[in-house]
Amino acid sequence: MTTEQYREIITTMKEGGAGFRPNERVATALVLEGNLGIRISDIVRLHLSDIVNDGGRYRLSITEQKTGKQRIFTVPLVIYQYMENYCLRNGIARDALMFPLTTRAIQKQLALVCEYLGYEGISTHSFRKWYATEIYRNANVKDNFTRYGKQSLTLFGKQFFTSFGKDNFTLPGKEFFSSPMGSRQATVR
């Protein structure tokens, strides 16, 4: 999936099209998958309260549904704000599921949008792959990627945000975030 396809899928999902209604819930779930790099099966189990302010950074600690492994991720402030704004707009309590959907429902909606746009071979997993590709491309850390190459791409993303210390890294899907100040520039410092 290209960045242009990512943008078009999310925009179309939010606006609707012939044969399907707008679906902000599914679009938001896919934006989070594309910007956190975690599986859609873990996205549908998220609560806003799963993210904790830990000494100046936001941390997400989950047990992966597929593997049963405990994972801890740093969540950039702009992504936390995006999630918080989504919950506020939709009246979702901090302890409630953010996306009371099944993985299958998201896959079906994505398939409708992709068919409408004429895209083939795009699934929910494409958003995780897109995340890893964008982190790699934007960070320009080929040597570090090679060093971590045998580990999971999610670990690579986690390592980037917590260890590589890259200043002003631009998030891959920044145009879909809005901050309380109205700025569309999303950077991690």
N, C-alpha and C. Protein backbone atom coordinates (compact mmCIF):
# COMPACT_ATOMS: atom_id res chain seq x y z
N MET A 1 0.85 -1.17 0.00
CA MET A 1 0.00 0.00 0.00
C MET A 1 0.90 1.24 0.00
N THR A 2 0.58 2.17 -0.85
CA THR A 2 1.34 3.41 -0.91
C THR A 2 0.73 4.44 0.04
N THR A 3 1.46 5.51 0.29
CA THR A 3 0.95 6.58 1.13
C THR A 3 -0.28 7.21 0.49
N GLU A 4 -0.26 7.36 -0.81
CA GLU A 4 -1.42 7.93 -1.51
C GLU A 4 -2.65 7.02 -1.34
N GLN A 5 -2.46 5.71 -1.45
CA GLN A 5 -3.58 4.79 -1.23
C GLN A 5 -4.08 4.87 0.21
N TYR A 6 -3.15 4.94 1.16
CA TYR A 6 -3.52 5.09 2.57
C TYR A 6 -4.42 6.31 2.74
N ARG A 7 -3.98 7.46 2.23
CA ARG A 7 -4.76 8.70 2.36
C ARG A 7 -6.12 8.57 1.72
N GLU A 8 -6.15 8.01 0.52
CA GLU A 8 -7.42 7.91 -0.21
C GLU A 8 -8.38 6.94 0.49
N ILE A 9 -7.87 5.85 1.02
CA ILE A 9 -8.73 4.90 1.73
C ILE A 9 -9.34 5.56 2.97
N ILE A 10 -8.51 6.23 3.77
CA ILE A 10 -9.01 6.86 5.00
C ILE A 10 -10.00 7.97 4.67
N THR A 11 -9.68 8.81 3.71
CA THR A 11 -10.58 9.90 3.33
C THR A 11 -11.91 9.36 2.82
N THR A 12 -11.87 8.36 1.95
CA THR A 12 -13.08 7.77 1.40
C THR A 12 -13.90 7.08 2.49
N MET A 13 -13.22 6.41 3.41
CA MET A 13 -13.91 5.74 4.51
C MET A 13 -14.65 6.77 5.36
N LYS A 14 -14.05 7.94 5.58
CA LYS A 14 -14.68 8.98 6.40
C LYS A 14 -15.82 9.68 5.66
N GLU A 15 -15.73 9.78 4.33
CA GLU A 15 -16.74 10.49 3.55
C GLU A 15 -17.86 9.60 3.03
N GLY A 16 -17.58 8.30 2.85
CA GLY A 16 -18.56 7.40 2.26
C GLY A 16 -18.48 7.41 0.75
N GLY A 17 -19.24 6.53 0.14
CA GLY A 17 -19.23 6.43 -1.32
C GLY A 17 -20.42 5.63 -1.78
N ALA A 18 -20.48 5.34 -3.07
CA ALA A 18 -21.58 4.57 -3.63
C ALA A 18 -21.57 3.16 -3.04
N GLY A 19 -22.60 2.83 -2.29
CA GLY A 19 -22.72 1.49 -1.74
C GLY A 19 -22.23 1.34 -0.30
N PHE A 20 -21.72 2.43 0.30
CA PHE A 20 -21.31 2.36 1.71
C PHE A 20 -21.38 3.75 2.33
N ARG A 21 -21.72 3.76 3.61
CA ARG A 21 -21.83 5.01 4.36
C ARG A 21 -20.49 5.41 4.95
N PRO A 22 -20.35 6.68 5.34
CA PRO A 22 -19.14 7.09 6.04
C PRO A 22 -18.98 6.27 7.32
N ASN A 23 -17.75 5.94 7.66
CA ASN A 23 -17.52 5.14 8.86
C ASN A 23 -16.26 5.65 9.56
N GLU A 24 -16.44 6.66 10.41
CA GLU A 24 -15.31 7.24 11.13
C GLU A 24 -14.67 6.22 12.07
N ARG A 25 -15.49 5.34 12.64
CA ARG A 25 -14.97 4.36 13.60
C ARG A 25 -13.94 3.45 12.94
N VAL A 26 -14.28 2.89 11.78
CA VAL A 26 -13.35 2.00 11.08
C VAL A 26 -12.15 2.80 10.57
N ALA A 27 -12.39 4.01 10.06
CA ALA A 27 -11.28 4.83 9.58
C ALA A 27 -10.30 5.12 10.71
N THR A 28 -10.81 5.44 11.89
CA THR A 28 -9.95 5.73 13.04
C THR A 28 -9.16 4.50 13.46
N ALA A 29 -9.81 3.35 13.47
CA ALA A 29 -9.12 2.11 13.83
C ALA A 29 -7.96 1.85 12.86
N LEU A 30 -8.19 2.08 11.57
CA LEU A 30 -7.13 1.86 10.58
C LEU A 30 -6.02 2.91 10.68
N VAL A 31 -6.38 4.15 10.99
CA VAL A 31 -5.36 5.19 11.21
C VAL A 31 -4.46 4.78 12.38
N LEU A 32 -5.07 4.28 13.45
CA LEU A 32 -4.26 3.85 14.60
C LEU A 32 -3.39 2.65 14.25
N GLU A 33 -3.93 1.70 13.50
CA GLU A 33 -3.10 0.56 13.10
C GLU A 33 -1.91 1.04 12.25
N GLY A 34 -2.17 2.00 11.36
CA GLY A 34 -1.13 2.51 10.49
C GLY A 34 -0.11 3.40 11.19
N ASN A 35 -0.44 3.87 12.38
CA ASN A 35 0.47 4.77 13.08
C ASN A 35 1.01 4.22 14.39
N LEU A 36 0.45 3.12 14.85
CA LEU A 36 1.01 2.42 16.00
C LEU A 36 1.70 1.12 15.59
N GLY A 37 1.29 0.57 14.46
CA GLY A 37 1.92 -0.64 13.96
C GLY A 37 1.48 -1.90 14.68
N ILE A 38 0.37 -1.84 15.41
CA ILE A 38 -0.11 -3.05 16.10
C ILE A 38 -1.25 -3.67 15.31
N ARG A 39 -1.48 -4.94 15.52
CA ARG A 39 -2.49 -5.70 14.78
C ARG A 39 -3.89 -5.16 15.01
N ILE A 40 -4.74 -5.31 14.00
CA ILE A 40 -6.12 -4.86 14.11
C ILE A 40 -6.84 -5.60 15.24
N SER A 41 -6.46 -6.84 15.49
CA SER A 41 -7.09 -7.60 16.59
C SER A 41 -6.76 -6.98 17.94
N ASP A 42 -5.65 -6.27 18.04
CA ASP A 42 -5.31 -5.56 19.27
C ASP A 42 -5.94 -4.16 19.30
N ILE A 43 -6.10 -3.54 18.14
CA ILE A 43 -6.77 -2.23 18.06
C ILE A 43 -8.21 -2.34 18.56
N VAL A 44 -8.94 -3.38 18.15
CA VAL A 44 -10.35 -3.49 18.55
C VAL A 44 -10.52 -3.78 20.04
N ARG A 45 -9.45 -4.10 20.72
CA ARG A 45 -9.50 -4.36 22.16
C ARG A 45 -9.02 -3.17 22.99
N LEU A 46 -8.70 -2.05 22.33
CA LEU A 46 -8.15 -0.88 23.02
C LEU A 46 -9.20 -0.12 23.83
N HIS A 47 -8.76 0.37 24.97
CA HIS A 47 -9.48 1.33 25.79
C HIS A 47 -8.54 2.53 25.92
N LEU A 48 -9.08 3.73 25.99
CA LEU A 48 -8.22 4.90 26.17
C LEU A 48 -7.42 4.77 27.46
N SER A 49 -8.01 4.12 28.46
CA SER A 49 -7.32 3.94 29.75
C SER A 49 -6.12 2.99 29.66
N ASP A 50 -5.96 2.29 28.53
CA ASP A 50 -4.79 1.42 28.34
C ASP A 50 -3.52 2.24 28.16
N ILE A 51 -3.67 3.52 27.86
CA ILE A 51 -2.52 4.39 27.65
C ILE A 51 -2.30 5.19 28.92
N VAL A 52 -1.07 5.11 29.42
CA VAL A 52 -0.73 5.72 30.70
C VAL A 52 0.37 6.75 30.50
N ASN A 53 0.22 7.91 31.17
CA ASN A 53 1.28 8.92 31.17
C ASN A 53 2.35 8.43 32.14
N ASP A 54 3.52 8.14 31.60
CA ASP A 54 4.60 7.53 32.37
C ASP A 54 5.83 8.44 32.32
N GLY A 55 5.89 9.40 33.23
CA GLY A 55 7.07 10.27 33.31
C GLY A 55 7.29 11.11 32.09
N GLY A 56 6.26 11.73 31.56
CA GLY A 56 6.43 12.61 30.41
C GLY A 56 6.23 11.95 29.06
N ARG A 57 5.96 10.67 29.04
CA ARG A 57 5.66 9.99 27.78
C ARG A 57 4.42 9.14 27.98
N TYR A 58 3.75 8.84 26.90
CA TYR A 58 2.57 7.98 26.98
C TYR A 58 2.99 6.58 26.59
N ARG A 59 2.50 5.63 27.35
CA ARG A 59 2.89 4.23 27.18
C ARG A 59 1.63 3.37 27.05
N LEU A 60 1.67 2.45 26.12
CA LEU A 60 0.61 1.48 25.92
C LEU A 60 1.17 0.11 26.23
N SER A 61 0.56 -0.55 27.18
CA SER A 61 0.98 -1.89 27.56
C SER A 61 -0.15 -2.85 27.22
N ILE A 62 0.10 -3.76 26.30
CA ILE A 62 -0.94 -4.71 25.89
C ILE A 62 -0.39 -6.14 25.91
N THR A 63 -1.30 -7.06 25.98
CA THR A 63 -0.98 -8.46 25.72
C THR A 63 -1.53 -8.75 24.33
N GLU A 64 -0.64 -9.06 23.41
CA GLU A 64 -1.06 -9.28 22.03
C GLU A 64 -2.03 -10.46 21.96
N GLN A 65 -3.13 -10.24 21.27
CA GLN A 65 -4.17 -11.26 21.14
C GLN A 65 -3.64 -12.48 20.39
N LYS A 66 -2.88 -12.25 19.34
CA LYS A 66 -2.40 -13.36 18.50
C LYS A 66 -1.32 -14.19 19.20
N THR A 67 -0.36 -13.51 19.81
CA THR A 67 0.80 -14.22 20.36
C THR A 67 0.71 -14.47 21.86
N GLY A 68 -0.13 -13.68 22.55
CA GLY A 68 -0.21 -13.78 24.01
C GLY A 68 0.97 -13.13 24.71
N LYS A 69 1.84 -12.44 23.96
CA LYS A 69 3.01 -11.80 24.54
C LYS A 69 2.67 -10.40 25.04
N GLN A 70 3.29 -10.03 26.15
CA GLN A 70 3.15 -8.69 26.71
C GLN A 70 4.05 -7.74 25.91
N ARG A 71 3.51 -6.61 25.47
CA ARG A 71 4.27 -5.61 24.72
C ARG A 71 4.02 -4.24 25.32
N ILE A 72 5.06 -3.42 25.33
CA ILE A 72 4.94 -2.04 25.79
C ILE A 72 5.39 -1.13 24.66
N PHE A 73 4.55 -0.16 24.31
CA PHE A 73 4.82 0.75 23.21
C PHE A 73 4.80 2.18 23.72
N THR A 74 5.65 3.02 23.18
CA THR A 74 5.55 4.45 23.41
C THR A 74 4.55 5.00 22.40
N VAL A 75 3.61 5.79 22.89
CA VAL A 75 2.60 6.39 22.03
C VAL A 75 2.91 7.89 21.94
N PRO A 76 3.21 8.40 20.75
CA PRO A 76 3.48 9.83 20.61
C PRO A 76 2.27 10.66 21.08
N LEU A 77 2.54 11.81 21.63
CA LEU A 77 1.51 12.68 22.17
C LEU A 77 0.41 12.95 21.16
N VAL A 78 0.77 13.22 19.91
CA VAL A 78 -0.23 13.55 18.90
C VAL A 78 -1.20 12.38 18.67
N ILE A 79 -0.71 11.16 18.77
CA ILE A 79 -1.60 10.00 18.60
C ILE A 79 -2.51 9.86 19.81
N TYR A 80 -1.97 10.06 21.00
CA TYR A 80 -2.81 10.01 22.20
C TYR A 80 -3.91 11.08 22.11
N GLN A 81 -3.56 12.29 21.69
CA GLN A 81 -4.56 13.36 21.55
C GLN A 81 -5.61 13.00 20.52
N TYR A 82 -5.19 12.39 19.43
CA TYR A 82 -6.12 11.95 18.39
C TYR A 82 -7.11 10.94 18.96
N MET A 83 -6.61 10.00 19.73
CA MET A 83 -7.47 8.99 20.35
C MET A 83 -8.42 9.63 21.37
N GLU A 84 -7.87 10.53 22.17
CA GLU A 84 -8.67 11.20 23.19
C GLU A 84 -9.79 12.03 22.55
N ASN A 85 -9.46 12.77 21.50
CA ASN A 85 -10.47 13.57 20.78
C ASN A 85 -11.55 12.69 20.17
N TYR A 86 -11.15 11.56 19.60
CA TYR A 86 -12.11 10.62 19.03
C TYR A 86 -13.09 10.14 20.12
N CYS A 87 -12.55 9.78 21.27
CA CYS A 87 -13.41 9.31 22.37
C CYS A 87 -14.34 10.41 22.86
N LEU A 88 -13.84 11.62 22.98
CA LEU A 88 -14.68 12.74 23.42
C LEU A 88 -15.80 13.02 22.42
N ARG A 89 -15.47 13.07 21.14
CA ARG A 89 -16.48 13.34 20.09
C ARG A 89 -17.57 12.28 20.05
N ASN A 90 -17.21 11.05 20.40
CA ASN A 90 -18.14 9.94 20.28
C ASN A 90 -18.70 9.47 21.62
N GLY A 91 -18.42 10.21 22.69
CA GLY A 91 -18.97 9.87 24.00
C GLY A 91 -18.49 8.53 24.54
N ILE A 92 -17.24 8.19 24.26
CA ILE A 92 -16.67 6.91 24.69
C ILE A 92 -15.91 7.13 25.99
N ALA A 93 -16.30 6.42 27.04
CA ALA A 93 -15.64 6.54 28.34
C ALA A 93 -14.22 5.98 28.27
N ARG A 94 -13.35 6.46 29.14
CA ARG A 94 -11.95 6.01 29.16
C ARG A 94 -11.82 4.50 29.31
N ASP A 95 -12.72 3.88 30.07
CA ASP A 95 -12.63 2.45 30.32
C ASP A 95 -13.46 1.60 29.34
N ALA A 96 -14.11 2.25 28.38
CA ALA A 96 -14.92 1.52 27.40
C ALA A 96 -14.06 1.16 26.19
N LEU A 97 -14.50 0.14 25.47
CA LEU A 97 -13.83 -0.21 24.21
C LEU A 97 -13.95 0.98 23.26
N MET A 98 -12.85 1.33 22.65
CA MET A 98 -12.88 2.42 21.68
C MET A 98 -13.57 1.99 20.38
N PHE A 99 -13.42 0.73 20.04
CA PHE A 99 -13.95 0.22 18.78
C PHE A 99 -14.73 -1.07 19.05
N PRO A 100 -15.99 -0.95 19.43
CA PRO A 100 -16.78 -2.16 19.67
C PRO A 100 -17.16 -2.82 18.35
N LEU A 101 -16.17 -3.32 17.67
CA LEU A 101 -16.30 -3.95 16.36
C LEU A 101 -15.53 -5.26 16.37
N THR A 102 -15.84 -6.09 15.41
CA THR A 102 -15.02 -7.28 15.21
C THR A 102 -13.96 -6.97 14.15
N THR A 103 -12.91 -7.74 14.18
CA THR A 103 -11.88 -7.61 13.15
C THR A 103 -12.50 -7.83 11.78
N ARG A 104 -13.41 -8.79 11.70
CA ARG A 104 -14.07 -9.12 10.44
C ARG A 104 -14.87 -7.93 9.91
N ALA A 105 -15.56 -7.20 10.79
CA ALA A 105 -16.35 -6.04 10.36
C ALA A 105 -15.44 -4.97 9.74
N ILE A 106 -14.28 -4.77 10.33
CA ILE A 106 -13.33 -3.80 9.78
C ILE A 106 -12.81 -4.28 8.43
N GLN A 107 -12.50 -5.56 8.33
CA GLN A 107 -12.01 -6.12 7.07
C GLN A 107 -13.06 -5.96 5.96
N LYS A 108 -14.33 -6.21 6.29
CA LYS A 108 -15.40 -6.09 5.31
C LYS A 108 -15.56 -4.65 4.83
N GLN A 109 -15.53 -3.69 5.76
CA GLN A 109 -15.65 -2.28 5.39
C GLN A 109 -14.46 -1.85 4.53
N LEU A 110 -13.27 -2.29 4.91
CA LEU A 110 -12.07 -1.97 4.13
C LEU A 110 -12.19 -2.55 2.72
N ALA A 111 -12.70 -3.77 2.61
CA ALA A 111 -12.86 -4.40 1.30
C ALA A 111 -13.83 -3.61 0.42
N LEU A 112 -14.93 -3.10 1.01
CA LEU A 112 -15.88 -2.29 0.25
C LEU A 112 -15.22 -1.02 -0.29
N VAL A 113 -14.47 -0.35 0.57
CA VAL A 113 -13.80 0.89 0.17
C VAL A 113 -12.75 0.61 -0.91
N CYS A 114 -11.96 -0.44 -0.73
CA CYS A 114 -10.93 -0.78 -1.71
C CYS A 114 -11.54 -1.16 -3.05
N GLU A 115 -12.64 -1.89 -3.02
CA GLU A 115 -13.32 -2.24 -4.27
C GLU A 115 -13.82 -0.97 -4.96
N TYR A 116 -14.41 -0.08 -4.20
CA TYR A 116 -14.91 1.20 -4.73
C TYR A 116 -13.77 2.00 -5.38
N LEU A 117 -12.59 1.99 -4.75
CA LEU A 117 -11.44 2.75 -5.25
C LEU A 117 -10.66 1.99 -6.32
N GLY A 118 -10.96 0.70 -6.51
CA GLY A 118 -10.25 -0.09 -7.51
C GLY A 118 -8.91 -0.65 -7.03
N TYR A 119 -8.73 -0.73 -5.71
CA TYR A 119 -7.49 -1.26 -5.15
C TYR A 119 -7.63 -2.75 -4.88
N GLU A 120 -6.60 -3.49 -5.22
CA GLU A 120 -6.58 -4.93 -4.96
C GLU A 120 -5.44 -5.27 -4.03
N GLY A 121 -5.61 -6.35 -3.26
CA GLY A 121 -4.53 -6.85 -2.42
C GLY A 121 -4.27 -6.03 -1.16
N ILE A 122 -5.22 -5.18 -0.75
CA ILE A 122 -5.04 -4.40 0.46
C ILE A 122 -5.93 -4.98 1.55
N SER A 123 -5.31 -5.27 2.69
CA SER A 123 -6.04 -5.82 3.84
C SER A 123 -5.68 -4.99 5.07
N THR A 124 -6.23 -5.34 6.21
CA THR A 124 -5.87 -4.62 7.42
C THR A 124 -4.37 -4.76 7.70
N HIS A 125 -3.80 -5.89 7.37
CA HIS A 125 -2.36 -6.08 7.61
C HIS A 125 -1.52 -5.11 6.77
N SER A 126 -2.06 -4.64 5.66
CA SER A 126 -1.34 -3.66 4.83
C SER A 126 -1.02 -2.39 5.60
N PHE A 127 -1.85 -2.07 6.60
CA PHE A 127 -1.62 -0.86 7.39
C PHE A 127 -0.42 -1.04 8.32
N ARG A 128 -0.21 -2.24 8.84
CA ARG A 128 0.99 -2.52 9.64
C ARG A 128 2.24 -2.46 8.77
N LYS A 129 2.15 -3.04 7.57
CA LYS A 129 3.29 -3.01 6.66
C LYS A 129 3.60 -1.58 6.24
N TRP A 130 2.57 -0.79 6.02
CA TRP A 130 2.75 0.61 5.64
C TRP A 130 3.46 1.36 6.77
N TYR A 131 3.05 1.10 8.01
CA TYR A 131 3.69 1.71 9.18
C TYR A 131 5.20 1.44 9.17
N ALA A 132 5.57 0.18 9.03
CA ALA A 132 6.99 -0.20 9.06
C ALA A 132 7.75 0.44 7.90
N THR A 133 7.14 0.47 6.73
CA THR A 133 7.77 1.08 5.56
C THR A 133 8.00 2.57 5.78
N GLU A 134 6.99 3.26 6.32
CA GLU A 134 7.11 4.70 6.54
C GLU A 134 8.13 5.03 7.63
N ILE A 135 8.16 4.24 8.68
CA ILE A 135 9.16 4.45 9.73
C ILE A 135 10.56 4.32 9.12
N TYR A 136 10.74 3.27 8.36
CA TYR A 136 12.02 3.01 7.71
C TYR A 136 12.40 4.14 6.76
N ARG A 137 11.45 4.54 5.91
CA ARG A 137 11.70 5.57 4.90
C ARG A 137 11.96 6.93 5.55
N ASN A 138 11.11 7.33 6.48
CA ASN A 138 11.22 8.66 7.09
C ASN A 138 12.39 8.79 8.04
N ALA A 139 12.76 7.71 8.70
CA ALA A 139 13.82 7.78 9.68
C ALA A 139 15.20 7.69 9.05
N ASN A 140 15.28 7.09 7.86
CA ASN A 140 16.55 6.92 7.17
C ASN A 140 17.57 6.25 8.09
N VAL A 141 17.16 5.12 8.64
CA VAL A 141 18.02 4.40 9.58
C VAL A 141 18.30 2.99 9.07
N LYS A 142 18.80 2.89 7.85
CA LYS A 142 19.02 1.59 7.25
C LYS A 142 19.95 0.71 8.07
N ASP A 143 20.98 1.30 8.64
CA ASP A 143 21.91 0.50 9.44
C ASP A 143 21.22 -0.07 10.66
N ASN A 144 20.41 0.73 11.32
CA ASN A 144 19.70 0.25 12.51
C ASN A 144 18.66 -0.79 12.14
N PHE A 145 18.00 -0.62 10.98
CA PHE A 145 17.02 -1.60 10.55
C PHE A 145 17.68 -2.95 10.32
N THR A 146 18.85 -2.93 9.69
CA THR A 146 19.59 -4.16 9.45
C THR A 146 19.94 -4.84 10.77
N ARG A 147 20.32 -4.04 11.73
CA ARG A 147 20.69 -4.58 13.03
C ARG A 147 19.50 -5.28 13.69
N TYR A 148 18.28 -4.77 13.48
CA TYR A 148 17.09 -5.35 14.12
C TYR A 148 16.29 -6.20 13.15
N GLY A 149 16.84 -6.45 11.96
CA GLY A 149 16.10 -7.07 10.87
C GLY A 149 15.37 -8.36 11.20
N LYS A 150 15.89 -9.21 12.07
CA LYS A 150 15.25 -10.48 12.36
C LYS A 150 14.14 -10.35 13.40
N GLN A 151 14.08 -9.20 14.07
CA GLN A 151 13.02 -9.00 15.06
C GLN A 151 11.78 -8.46 14.36
N SER A 152 10.68 -8.43 15.09
CA SER A 152 9.43 -7.98 14.48
C SER A 152 9.50 -6.50 14.13
N LEU A 153 8.73 -6.11 13.10
CA LEU A 153 8.70 -4.72 12.70
C LEU A 153 8.08 -3.86 13.78
N THR A 154 7.17 -4.43 14.57
CA THR A 154 6.60 -3.67 15.68
C THR A 154 7.70 -3.32 16.66
N LEU A 155 8.59 -4.26 16.93
CA LEU A 155 9.70 -3.98 17.83
C LEU A 155 10.59 -2.90 17.22
N PHE A 156 10.79 -2.95 15.90
CA PHE A 156 11.57 -1.91 15.25
C PHE A 156 10.96 -0.54 15.50
N GLY A 157 9.63 -0.43 15.33
CA GLY A 157 8.96 0.85 15.58
C GLY A 157 9.12 1.28 17.02
N LYS A 158 8.97 0.36 17.94
CA LYS A 158 9.13 0.66 19.37
C LYS A 158 10.56 1.12 19.64
N GLN A 159 11.53 0.42 19.09
CA GLN A 159 12.92 0.78 19.28
C GLN A 159 13.20 2.17 18.71
N PHE A 160 12.58 2.48 17.57
CA PHE A 160 12.81 3.78 16.98
C PHE A 160 12.35 4.89 17.91
N PHE A 161 11.13 4.78 18.39
CA PHE A 161 10.58 5.85 19.22
C PHE A 161 11.26 5.95 20.57
N THR A 162 11.76 4.85 21.11
CA THR A 162 12.32 4.90 22.46
C THR A 162 13.83 5.00 22.48
N SER A 163 14.52 4.55 21.46
CA SER A 163 15.97 4.49 21.53
C SER A 163 16.72 5.33 20.50
N PHE A 164 16.18 5.49 19.32
CA PHE A 164 16.95 6.11 18.27
C PHE A 164 17.08 7.61 18.47
N GLY A 165 16.12 8.21 19.20
CA GLY A 165 16.22 9.61 19.55
C GLY A 165 16.18 10.57 18.38
N LYS A 166 15.53 10.22 17.33
CA LYS A 166 15.43 11.09 16.16
C LYS A 166 14.54 12.28 16.48
N ASP A 167 15.03 13.51 16.34
CA ASP A 167 14.24 14.71 16.62
C ASP A 167 13.37 15.05 15.42
N ASN A 168 12.22 15.63 15.72
CA ASN A 168 11.28 16.10 14.71
C ASN A 168 10.93 15.02 13.68
N PHE A 169 10.77 13.81 14.12
CA PHE A 169 10.33 12.75 13.22
C PHE A 169 8.87 12.98 12.87
N THR A 170 8.54 13.03 11.60
CA THR A 170 7.17 13.27 11.18
C THR A 170 6.43 11.94 11.11
N LEU A 171 5.29 11.89 11.76
CA LEU A 171 4.49 10.67 11.78
C LEU A 171 3.93 10.39 10.39
N PRO A 172 3.83 9.12 10.02
CA PRO A 172 3.39 8.75 8.68
C PRO A 172 2.01 9.28 8.32
N GLY A 173 1.04 9.22 9.21
CA GLY A 173 -0.33 9.62 8.87
C GLY A 173 -0.73 10.94 9.48
N LYS A 174 0.21 11.87 9.58
CA LYS A 174 -0.02 13.11 10.33
C LYS A 174 -1.22 13.90 9.86
N GLU A 175 -1.58 13.80 8.59
CA GLU A 175 -2.69 14.62 8.10
C GLU A 175 -4.04 14.19 8.67
N PHE A 176 -4.09 13.06 9.34
CA PHE A 176 -5.35 12.60 9.91
C PHE A 176 -5.46 12.91 11.39
N PHE A 177 -4.47 13.58 11.94
CA PHE A 177 -4.50 13.97 13.34
C PHE A 177 -4.87 15.43 13.44
N SER A 178 -5.57 15.78 14.50
CA SER A 178 -5.79 17.20 14.78
C SER A 178 -5.52 17.41 16.26
N SER A 179 -4.80 18.45 16.55
CA SER A 179 -4.46 18.72 17.94
C SER A 179 -5.41 19.78 18.50
N PRO A 180 -5.48 19.91 19.82
CA PRO A 180 -6.34 20.92 20.42
C PRO A 180 -6.00 22.34 19.94
N MET A 181 -4.77 22.58 19.54
CA MET A 181 -4.36 23.91 19.08
C MET A 181 -4.70 24.13 17.61
N GLY A 182 -5.22 23.11 16.94
CA GLY A 182 -5.58 23.23 15.54
C GLY A 182 -4.43 23.02 14.58
N SER A 183 -3.24 22.73 15.08
CA SER A 183 -2.09 22.52 14.21
C SER A 183 -2.17 21.15 13.58
N ARG A 184 -1.81 21.07 12.33
CA ARG A 184 -1.81 19.78 11.66
C ARG A 184 -0.40 19.19 11.61
N GLN A 185 0.59 19.91 12.11
CA GLN A 185 1.96 19.39 12.14
C GLN A 185 2.12 18.45 13.31
N ALA A 186 2.41 17.21 13.05
CA ALA A 186 2.54 16.21 14.10
C ALA A 186 3.99 15.75 14.17
N THR A 187 4.67 16.12 15.22
CA THR A 187 6.05 15.68 15.37
C THR A 187 6.26 15.07 16.73
N VAL A 188 7.25 14.20 16.80
CA VAL A 188 7.63 13.59 18.05
C VAL A 188 8.98 14.20 18.46
N ARG A 189 9.09 14.67 19.64
CA ARG A 189 10.34 15.28 20.11
C ARG A 189 10.93 14.45 21.20
